[in-house]
């Protein structure tokens, strides 16, 4: 199961990011689960896909419209083997890729 945590402080407008960003997962390397962090400057459809090094999609932890803000999604990879994976975020015209390393 994917847990989505939205962190917004309604009293502080400075928490709304000004641009899309896919941040490094934490921890990295990780064992079993890691936090995928990303910024959305305005409500947008966000797709986060995880690929193995062969380019095969292995998970899609986010595929929904997200409100503006900084987001963190806990991703559990206990069903995947040890190795390097690529995390790709698409939102509107924005696209970014990060590497993550699963160690078991």
N, C-alpha and C. Protein backbone atom coordinates (compact mmCIF):
# COMPACT_ATOMS: atom_id res chain seq x y z
N UNK A 1 0.83 -1.20 0.00
CA UNK A 1 0.00 0.00 0.00
C UNK A 1 0.87 1.25 0.00
N UNK A 2 0.41 2.27 -0.70
CA UNK A 2 1.14 3.53 -0.78
C UNK A 2 0.50 4.52 0.18
N UNK A 3 1.32 5.16 1.01
CA UNK A 3 0.84 6.17 1.93
C UNK A 3 1.21 7.53 1.39
N UNK A 4 0.23 8.41 1.26
CA UNK A 4 0.50 9.76 0.77
C UNK A 4 0.33 10.73 1.92
N UNK A 5 1.39 11.49 2.18
CA UNK A 5 1.36 12.48 3.24
C UNK A 5 1.47 13.85 2.60
N UNK A 6 0.52 14.70 2.86
CA UNK A 6 0.56 16.06 2.33
C UNK A 6 0.89 16.99 3.48
N UNK A 7 1.95 17.77 3.32
CA UNK A 7 2.39 18.69 4.37
C UNK A 7 2.18 20.12 3.92
N UNK A 8 1.16 20.76 4.44
CA UNK A 8 0.89 22.16 4.12
C UNK A 8 0.56 22.90 5.41
N UNK A 9 1.09 24.10 5.54
CA UNK A 9 0.76 24.96 6.66
C UNK A 9 -0.12 26.07 6.13
N UNK A 10 -1.38 26.06 6.48
CA UNK A 10 -2.34 27.02 5.92
C UNK A 10 -1.99 28.46 6.29
N UNK A 11 -1.20 28.68 7.33
CA UNK A 11 -0.87 30.03 7.78
C UNK A 11 0.39 30.58 7.13
N UNK A 12 1.04 29.80 6.29
CA UNK A 12 2.32 30.23 5.73
C UNK A 12 2.33 29.99 4.22
N UNK A 13 2.09 31.04 3.43
CA UNK A 13 2.05 30.90 1.98
C UNK A 13 3.41 30.57 1.39
N UNK A 14 4.49 30.77 2.13
CA UNK A 14 5.82 30.51 1.59
C UNK A 14 6.08 29.01 1.40
N UNK A 15 5.23 28.14 1.94
CA UNK A 15 5.45 26.71 1.78
C UNK A 15 5.03 26.22 0.40
N UNK A 16 4.29 27.02 -0.35
CA UNK A 16 3.90 26.61 -1.70
C UNK A 16 5.11 26.80 -2.62
N UNK A 17 5.60 25.72 -3.20
CA UNK A 17 6.78 25.84 -4.08
C UNK A 17 6.46 26.66 -5.33
N UNK A 18 7.49 27.23 -5.91
CA UNK A 18 7.30 28.06 -7.10
C UNK A 18 7.54 27.29 -8.39
N UNK A 19 8.07 26.06 -8.29
CA UNK A 19 8.30 25.25 -9.48
C UNK A 19 8.22 23.77 -9.12
N UNK A 20 8.01 22.95 -10.16
CA UNK A 20 8.00 21.51 -9.97
C UNK A 20 9.39 21.04 -9.59
N UNK A 21 9.47 20.01 -8.75
CA UNK A 21 10.76 19.42 -8.42
C UNK A 21 10.55 17.99 -7.96
N UNK A 22 11.46 17.12 -8.38
CA UNK A 22 11.54 15.76 -7.86
C UNK A 22 12.82 15.71 -7.06
N UNK A 23 12.69 15.53 -5.76
CA UNK A 23 13.85 15.53 -4.88
C UNK A 23 14.36 14.10 -4.72
N UNK A 24 15.58 13.98 -4.23
CA UNK A 24 16.15 12.65 -3.98
C UNK A 24 15.30 11.93 -2.93
N UNK A 25 15.11 10.63 -3.15
CA UNK A 25 14.39 9.86 -2.14
C UNK A 25 15.23 9.78 -0.87
N UNK A 26 14.57 9.54 0.26
CA UNK A 26 15.29 9.45 1.53
C UNK A 26 14.70 8.31 2.33
N UNK A 27 15.51 7.42 2.90
CA UNK A 27 16.96 7.36 2.69
C UNK A 27 17.31 6.76 1.32
N UNK A 28 18.53 6.98 0.89
CA UNK A 28 19.04 6.41 -0.36
C UNK A 28 20.53 6.16 -0.18
N UNK A 29 21.00 4.93 -0.19
CA UNK A 29 20.28 3.66 -0.43
C UNK A 29 19.25 3.38 0.67
N UNK A 30 18.29 2.50 0.34
CA UNK A 30 17.24 2.16 1.31
C UNK A 30 17.02 0.66 1.33
N UNK A 31 16.37 0.21 2.41
CA UNK A 31 16.01 -1.19 2.58
C UNK A 31 14.51 -1.23 2.79
N UNK A 32 13.79 -1.77 1.85
CA UNK A 32 12.33 -1.96 1.89
C UNK A 32 11.52 -0.71 1.59
N UNK A 33 11.68 0.38 2.37
CA UNK A 33 10.85 1.55 2.07
C UNK A 33 11.67 2.84 2.07
N UNK A 34 11.18 3.79 1.29
CA UNK A 34 11.85 5.08 1.15
C UNK A 34 10.79 6.15 0.91
N UNK A 35 11.15 7.38 1.19
CA UNK A 35 10.24 8.49 0.99
C UNK A 35 10.55 9.19 -0.33
N UNK A 36 9.54 9.28 -1.19
CA UNK A 36 9.66 9.99 -2.46
C UNK A 36 9.12 11.40 -2.24
N UNK A 37 9.97 12.41 -2.44
CA UNK A 37 9.58 13.78 -2.14
C UNK A 37 9.54 14.61 -3.42
N UNK A 38 8.49 15.42 -3.55
CA UNK A 38 8.36 16.24 -4.76
C UNK A 38 7.55 17.49 -4.47
N UNK A 39 7.76 18.51 -5.30
CA UNK A 39 7.07 19.79 -5.17
C UNK A 39 6.14 20.01 -6.35
N UNK A 40 4.98 20.59 -6.06
CA UNK A 40 3.98 20.92 -7.07
C UNK A 40 3.55 22.37 -6.83
N UNK A 41 3.84 23.30 -7.77
CA UNK A 41 3.52 24.70 -7.54
C UNK A 41 2.04 25.05 -7.68
N UNK A 42 1.29 24.24 -8.41
CA UNK A 42 -0.15 24.46 -8.56
C UNK A 42 -0.80 23.10 -8.76
N UNK A 43 -2.08 23.00 -8.45
CA UNK A 43 -2.76 21.71 -8.57
C UNK A 43 -2.49 21.10 -9.94
N UNK A 44 -1.97 19.88 -9.96
CA UNK A 44 -1.55 19.25 -11.21
C UNK A 44 -1.73 17.74 -11.12
N UNK A 45 -1.90 17.15 -12.28
CA UNK A 45 -1.88 15.69 -12.39
C UNK A 45 -0.42 15.26 -12.29
N UNK A 46 -0.11 14.39 -11.33
CA UNK A 46 1.27 13.95 -11.10
C UNK A 46 1.35 12.44 -11.31
N UNK A 47 2.35 12.04 -12.08
CA UNK A 47 2.61 10.62 -12.31
C UNK A 47 4.05 10.34 -11.88
N UNK A 48 4.22 9.46 -10.91
CA UNK A 48 5.55 9.02 -10.50
C UNK A 48 5.64 7.53 -10.78
N UNK A 49 6.61 7.17 -11.60
CA UNK A 49 6.78 5.79 -12.04
C UNK A 49 8.18 5.34 -11.66
N UNK A 50 8.30 4.08 -11.25
CA UNK A 50 9.60 3.50 -10.91
C UNK A 50 9.93 2.43 -11.93
N UNK A 51 11.17 2.52 -12.45
CA UNK A 51 11.65 1.58 -13.46
C UNK A 51 12.88 0.86 -12.96
N UNK A 52 13.06 -0.40 -13.43
CA UNK A 52 14.32 -1.09 -13.17
C UNK A 52 15.33 -0.66 -14.23
N UNK A 53 16.57 -1.12 -14.12
CA UNK A 53 17.61 -0.67 -15.06
C UNK A 53 17.39 -1.18 -16.47
N UNK A 54 16.50 -2.17 -16.64
CA UNK A 54 16.17 -2.65 -17.98
C UNK A 54 15.08 -1.79 -18.62
N UNK A 55 14.60 -0.78 -17.88
CA UNK A 55 13.59 0.11 -18.42
C UNK A 55 12.16 -0.37 -18.24
N UNK A 56 11.98 -1.44 -17.47
CA UNK A 56 10.63 -1.97 -17.24
C UNK A 56 9.99 -1.25 -16.05
N UNK A 57 8.72 -0.88 -16.22
CA UNK A 57 8.00 -0.26 -15.10
C UNK A 57 7.76 -1.30 -14.02
N UNK A 58 8.14 -0.97 -12.78
CA UNK A 58 7.94 -1.90 -11.66
C UNK A 58 6.92 -1.39 -10.65
N UNK A 59 6.64 -0.07 -10.68
CA UNK A 59 5.65 0.49 -9.75
C UNK A 59 5.21 1.86 -10.23
N UNK A 60 4.01 2.25 -9.77
CA UNK A 60 3.48 3.58 -10.07
C UNK A 60 2.87 4.11 -8.76
N UNK A 61 3.73 4.61 -7.86
CA UNK A 61 3.23 5.02 -6.54
C UNK A 61 2.33 6.26 -6.55
N UNK A 62 2.43 7.11 -7.57
CA UNK A 62 1.56 8.29 -7.65
C UNK A 62 1.03 8.40 -9.07
N UNK A 63 -0.30 8.49 -9.18
CA UNK A 63 -0.96 8.71 -10.47
C UNK A 63 -2.29 9.38 -10.17
N UNK A 64 -2.21 10.67 -9.81
CA UNK A 64 -3.42 11.38 -9.41
C UNK A 64 -3.17 12.89 -9.43
N UNK A 65 -4.25 13.65 -9.32
CA UNK A 65 -4.14 15.10 -9.22
C UNK A 65 -3.73 15.43 -7.79
N UNK A 66 -2.69 16.25 -7.67
CA UNK A 66 -2.16 16.63 -6.36
C UNK A 66 -2.33 18.13 -6.17
N UNK A 67 -2.65 18.56 -4.94
CA UNK A 67 -2.74 20.00 -4.67
C UNK A 67 -1.35 20.64 -4.65
N UNK A 68 -1.31 21.95 -4.77
CA UNK A 68 -0.03 22.66 -4.69
C UNK A 68 0.61 22.40 -3.34
N UNK A 69 1.94 22.25 -3.33
CA UNK A 69 2.66 22.06 -2.08
C UNK A 69 3.82 21.11 -2.23
N UNK A 70 4.48 20.85 -1.11
CA UNK A 70 5.56 19.87 -1.05
C UNK A 70 4.96 18.57 -0.54
N UNK A 71 5.23 17.50 -1.25
CA UNK A 71 4.61 16.21 -0.94
C UNK A 71 5.68 15.16 -0.64
N UNK A 72 5.26 14.16 0.13
CA UNK A 72 6.12 13.04 0.44
C UNK A 72 5.27 11.78 0.39
N UNK A 73 5.73 10.79 -0.37
CA UNK A 73 5.01 9.52 -0.51
C UNK A 73 5.92 8.41 -0.03
N UNK A 74 5.44 7.60 0.89
CA UNK A 74 6.22 6.46 1.37
C UNK A 74 6.04 5.31 0.39
N UNK A 75 7.15 4.86 -0.18
CA UNK A 75 7.11 3.78 -1.16
C UNK A 75 7.75 2.53 -0.56
N UNK A 76 7.04 1.42 -0.61
CA UNK A 76 7.53 0.16 -0.08
C UNK A 76 7.94 -0.74 -1.25
N UNK A 77 9.22 -1.11 -1.28
CA UNK A 77 9.77 -1.91 -2.38
C UNK A 77 10.17 -3.30 -1.92
N UNK A 78 9.50 -3.83 -0.90
CA UNK A 78 9.91 -5.14 -0.36
C UNK A 78 9.76 -6.27 -1.36
N UNK A 79 8.92 -6.08 -2.40
CA UNK A 79 8.74 -7.13 -3.42
C UNK A 79 9.76 -7.05 -4.55
N UNK A 80 10.67 -6.06 -4.51
CA UNK A 80 11.66 -5.89 -5.57
C UNK A 80 13.03 -6.41 -5.12
N UNK A 81 13.83 -6.88 -6.08
CA UNK A 81 15.18 -7.33 -5.73
C UNK A 81 16.14 -6.15 -5.52
N UNK A 82 17.24 -6.41 -4.83
CA UNK A 82 18.30 -5.42 -4.65
C UNK A 82 18.73 -4.88 -6.00
N UNK A 83 18.97 -3.58 -6.08
CA UNK A 83 19.46 -3.02 -7.33
C UNK A 83 19.19 -1.54 -7.45
N UNK A 84 19.60 -1.01 -8.61
CA UNK A 84 19.39 0.40 -8.94
C UNK A 84 18.04 0.54 -9.63
N UNK A 85 17.31 1.59 -9.26
CA UNK A 85 16.01 1.88 -9.87
C UNK A 85 15.97 3.36 -10.25
N UNK A 86 15.12 3.68 -11.22
CA UNK A 86 14.94 5.06 -11.65
C UNK A 86 13.53 5.50 -11.29
N UNK A 87 13.43 6.67 -10.69
CA UNK A 87 12.15 7.27 -10.32
C UNK A 87 11.90 8.40 -11.30
N UNK A 88 10.78 8.36 -12.02
CA UNK A 88 10.47 9.40 -12.99
C UNK A 88 9.18 10.11 -12.57
N UNK A 89 9.24 11.44 -12.58
CA UNK A 89 8.07 12.24 -12.26
C UNK A 89 7.66 13.02 -13.50
N UNK A 90 6.37 12.94 -13.84
CA UNK A 90 5.79 13.75 -14.91
C UNK A 90 4.63 14.54 -14.33
N UNK A 91 4.60 15.82 -14.66
CA UNK A 91 3.49 16.68 -14.25
C UNK A 91 3.43 17.83 -15.25
N UNK A 92 2.37 17.87 -16.04
CA UNK A 92 2.28 18.89 -17.08
C UNK A 92 3.47 18.77 -18.03
N UNK A 93 4.18 19.87 -18.24
CA UNK A 93 5.36 19.86 -19.11
C UNK A 93 6.62 19.42 -18.38
N UNK A 94 6.52 19.24 -17.05
CA UNK A 94 7.69 18.90 -16.24
C UNK A 94 7.97 17.40 -16.27
N UNK A 95 9.26 17.07 -16.36
CA UNK A 95 9.69 15.68 -16.28
C UNK A 95 11.06 15.64 -15.64
N UNK A 96 11.26 14.72 -14.69
CA UNK A 96 12.56 14.59 -14.04
C UNK A 96 12.77 13.13 -13.65
N UNK A 97 14.05 12.74 -13.54
CA UNK A 97 14.40 11.37 -13.17
C UNK A 97 15.45 11.43 -12.07
N UNK A 98 15.31 10.54 -11.09
CA UNK A 98 16.29 10.39 -10.01
C UNK A 98 16.64 8.90 -9.91
N UNK A 99 17.86 8.63 -9.46
CA UNK A 99 18.27 7.24 -9.20
C UNK A 99 18.04 6.92 -7.74
N UNK A 100 17.67 5.67 -7.48
CA UNK A 100 17.60 5.20 -6.10
C UNK A 100 18.14 3.78 -6.03
N UNK A 101 18.74 3.44 -4.89
CA UNK A 101 19.39 2.16 -4.73
C UNK A 101 18.73 1.38 -3.61
N UNK A 102 18.23 0.20 -3.95
CA UNK A 102 17.58 -0.69 -2.98
C UNK A 102 18.61 -1.73 -2.54
N UNK A 103 18.87 -1.77 -1.24
CA UNK A 103 19.80 -2.77 -0.67
C UNK A 103 19.02 -3.61 0.33
N UNK A 104 19.10 -4.93 0.17
CA UNK A 104 18.39 -5.81 1.11
C UNK A 104 19.38 -6.63 1.89
